[in-house]
Protein backbone atom coordinates (compact mmCIF):
# COMPACT_ATOMS: atom_id res chain seq x y z
CA HIS A 1 0.00 0.00 0.00
CA THR A 2 1.04 3.57 -0.58
CA SER A 3 -0.77 4.95 2.49
CA THR A 4 -2.27 3.84 5.80
CA VAL A 5 -4.28 0.60 5.69
CA THR A 6 -7.89 1.50 6.51
CA ALA A 7 -9.66 -1.89 6.39
CA MET A 8 -8.89 -5.58 6.25
CA CYS A 9 -10.87 -8.81 5.97
CA THR A 10 -10.41 -12.52 5.31
CA SER A 11 -12.49 -14.72 3.05
CA ASP A 12 -14.63 -17.52 4.49
CA SER A 13 -12.24 -20.06 2.96
CA ARG A 14 -9.31 -18.23 4.62
CA GLN A 15 -7.48 -18.49 1.27
CA LYS A 16 -7.69 -14.75 0.58
CA VAL A 17 -7.11 -11.58 2.54
CA ALA A 18 -8.11 -8.11 1.38
CA SER A 19 -6.67 -4.84 2.65
CA SER A 20 -7.43 -1.29 1.61
CA ASP A 21 -6.02 2.19 1.80
CA ALA A 22 -7.35 5.50 0.50
CA LYS A 23 -6.84 4.57 -3.15
CA ALA A 24 -6.98 0.79 -3.66
CA ILE A 25 -7.98 -2.60 -2.33
CA ILE A 26 -5.42 -5.37 -2.63
CA VAL A 27 -6.48 -9.03 -2.58
CA TRP A 28 -3.74 -11.34 -1.30
CA ASP A 29 -3.16 -15.09 -1.27
CA SER A 30 -3.09 -15.85 2.46
CA THR A 31 -0.58 -18.71 2.19
CA THR A 32 1.98 -17.14 -0.17
CA CYS A 33 1.33 -13.43 0.61
CA ASP A 34 1.30 -12.79 -3.15
CA GLN A 35 -0.93 -10.06 -4.56
CA ILE A 36 -3.78 -11.64 -6.52
CA GLN A 37 -5.60 -8.53 -7.65
CA VAL A 38 -5.59 -4.76 -7.16
CA LEU A 39 -9.04 -3.15 -7.17
CA ALA A 40 -9.19 0.58 -7.73
CA ASP A 41 -11.63 3.04 -9.17
CA LYS A 42 -10.88 6.75 -9.47
CA ARG A 43 -14.27 7.53 -7.89
CA GLN A 44 -13.53 5.61 -4.68
CA ARG A 45 -11.93 7.47 -1.82
CA GLY A 46 -11.31 6.44 1.73
CA VAL A 47 -12.27 2.76 1.70
CA PHE A 48 -13.27 1.91 5.27
CA LEU A 49 -15.26 -1.36 5.03
CA ILE A 50 -14.59 -4.46 2.90
CA SER A 51 -16.12 -7.93 2.86
CA PHE A 52 -15.88 -11.06 0.71
CA SER A 53 -18.89 -13.04 -0.48
CA SER A 54 -19.20 -16.59 0.85
CA HIS A 55 -17.44 -18.33 -2.06
CA ASP A 56 -14.78 -15.66 -2.62
CA GLU A 57 -16.54 -14.64 -5.85
CA MET A 58 -17.10 -10.98 -5.01
CA LEU A 59 -15.84 -8.24 -2.76
CA VAL A 60 -17.85 -5.28 -1.50
CA ALA A 61 -16.34 -2.02 -0.29
CA VAL A 62 -17.92 0.98 1.40
CA CYS A 63 -16.09 4.19 0.58
CA ALA A 64 -16.38 7.79 1.68
CA SER A 65 -17.10 9.89 -1.39
CA ASP A 66 -16.94 13.10 0.61
CA GLU A 67 -18.03 14.23 4.07
CA GLN A 68 -21.72 13.75 3.28
CA THR A 69 -21.97 10.71 1.02
CA GLN A 70 -20.83 7.11 0.92
CA THR A 71 -20.48 4.77 -2.04
CA ILE A 72 -20.76 1.02 -2.42
CA CYS A 73 -18.41 -0.78 -4.84
CA ILE A 74 -18.77 -4.46 -5.74
CA TRP A 75 -16.17 -6.36 -7.76
CA ARG A 76 -16.30 -9.84 -9.27
CA LEU A 77 -13.02 -11.47 -8.27
CA HIS A 78 -12.91 -14.62 -10.39
CA LEU A 79 -13.27 -12.72 -13.64
CA GLY A 80 -10.46 -10.32 -12.84
CA ASP A 81 -12.62 -7.32 -13.66
CA SER A 82 -10.77 -4.02 -13.51
CA GLU A 83 -14.01 -2.04 -13.19
CA PRO A 84 -16.51 -2.53 -10.37
CA LEU A 85 -19.66 -4.50 -11.17
CA LEU A 86 -21.58 -1.90 -9.15
CA PHE A 87 -20.69 1.62 -8.08
CA GLN A 88 -23.59 3.16 -6.18
CA THR A 89 -23.68 6.43 -4.28
CA LEU A 90 -25.86 6.26 -1.18
CA PRO A 91 -28.16 9.18 -0.41
CA ALA A 92 -26.73 11.75 1.98
CA GLY A 93 -28.36 11.75 5.37
CA ASP A 94 -27.93 11.16 9.07
CA GLU A 95 -27.38 7.41 8.71
CA ARG A 96 -23.95 6.06 7.85
CA VAL A 97 -23.06 2.47 6.88
CA HIS A 98 -21.03 0.86 9.65
CA HIS A 99 -21.03 -2.78 8.49
CA CYS A 100 -21.56 -4.56 5.20
CA THR A 101 -21.80 -8.25 4.36
CA PHE A 102 -23.19 -10.55 1.73
CA THR A 103 -26.24 -12.15 3.37
CA SER A 104 -26.67 -15.30 1.28
CA SER A 105 -24.43 -18.04 -0.02
CA SER A 106 -25.35 -17.12 -3.60
CA SER A 107 -23.64 -13.68 -3.36
CA LYS A 108 -26.80 -11.99 -4.59
CA GLN A 109 -27.92 -10.27 -1.41
CA LEU A 110 -26.01 -7.58 0.40
CA GLY A 111 -26.70 -6.41 3.93
CA LEU A 112 -25.83 -2.83 4.87
CA PHE A 113 -26.08 -1.89 8.52
CA THR A 114 -26.45 1.75 9.44
CA LEU A 115 -26.44 3.86 12.56
CA SER A 116 -27.91 7.32 12.85
CA GLU A 117 -25.85 10.19 14.24
CA GLU A 118 -27.99 9.96 17.37
CA GLY A 119 -26.89 6.34 17.96
């Protein structure tokens, strides 16, 4: 990484580890420590949450677009896509995403957990 690591996660299989900084997410082989893939999109800034899907097929990231908005990026890992499958800006408001996870084994449902500023 070229700056401070802001998030890290392991896949369910424990074969992959992902780490992020302000500009990129790096997917690593957990046994060899080799880089498998670098995920970056010029629109993403300040990645602070990352999570693998259950079969290591996809990775979701929650990024800070600016002080008011957050974005969700989803990448397909097996295809080696250089562009995110989904890049979605969340509406600005009092609620911020504090946890994200794929909620089914088919990698088709995503759970976003928010907290309001009031708690």
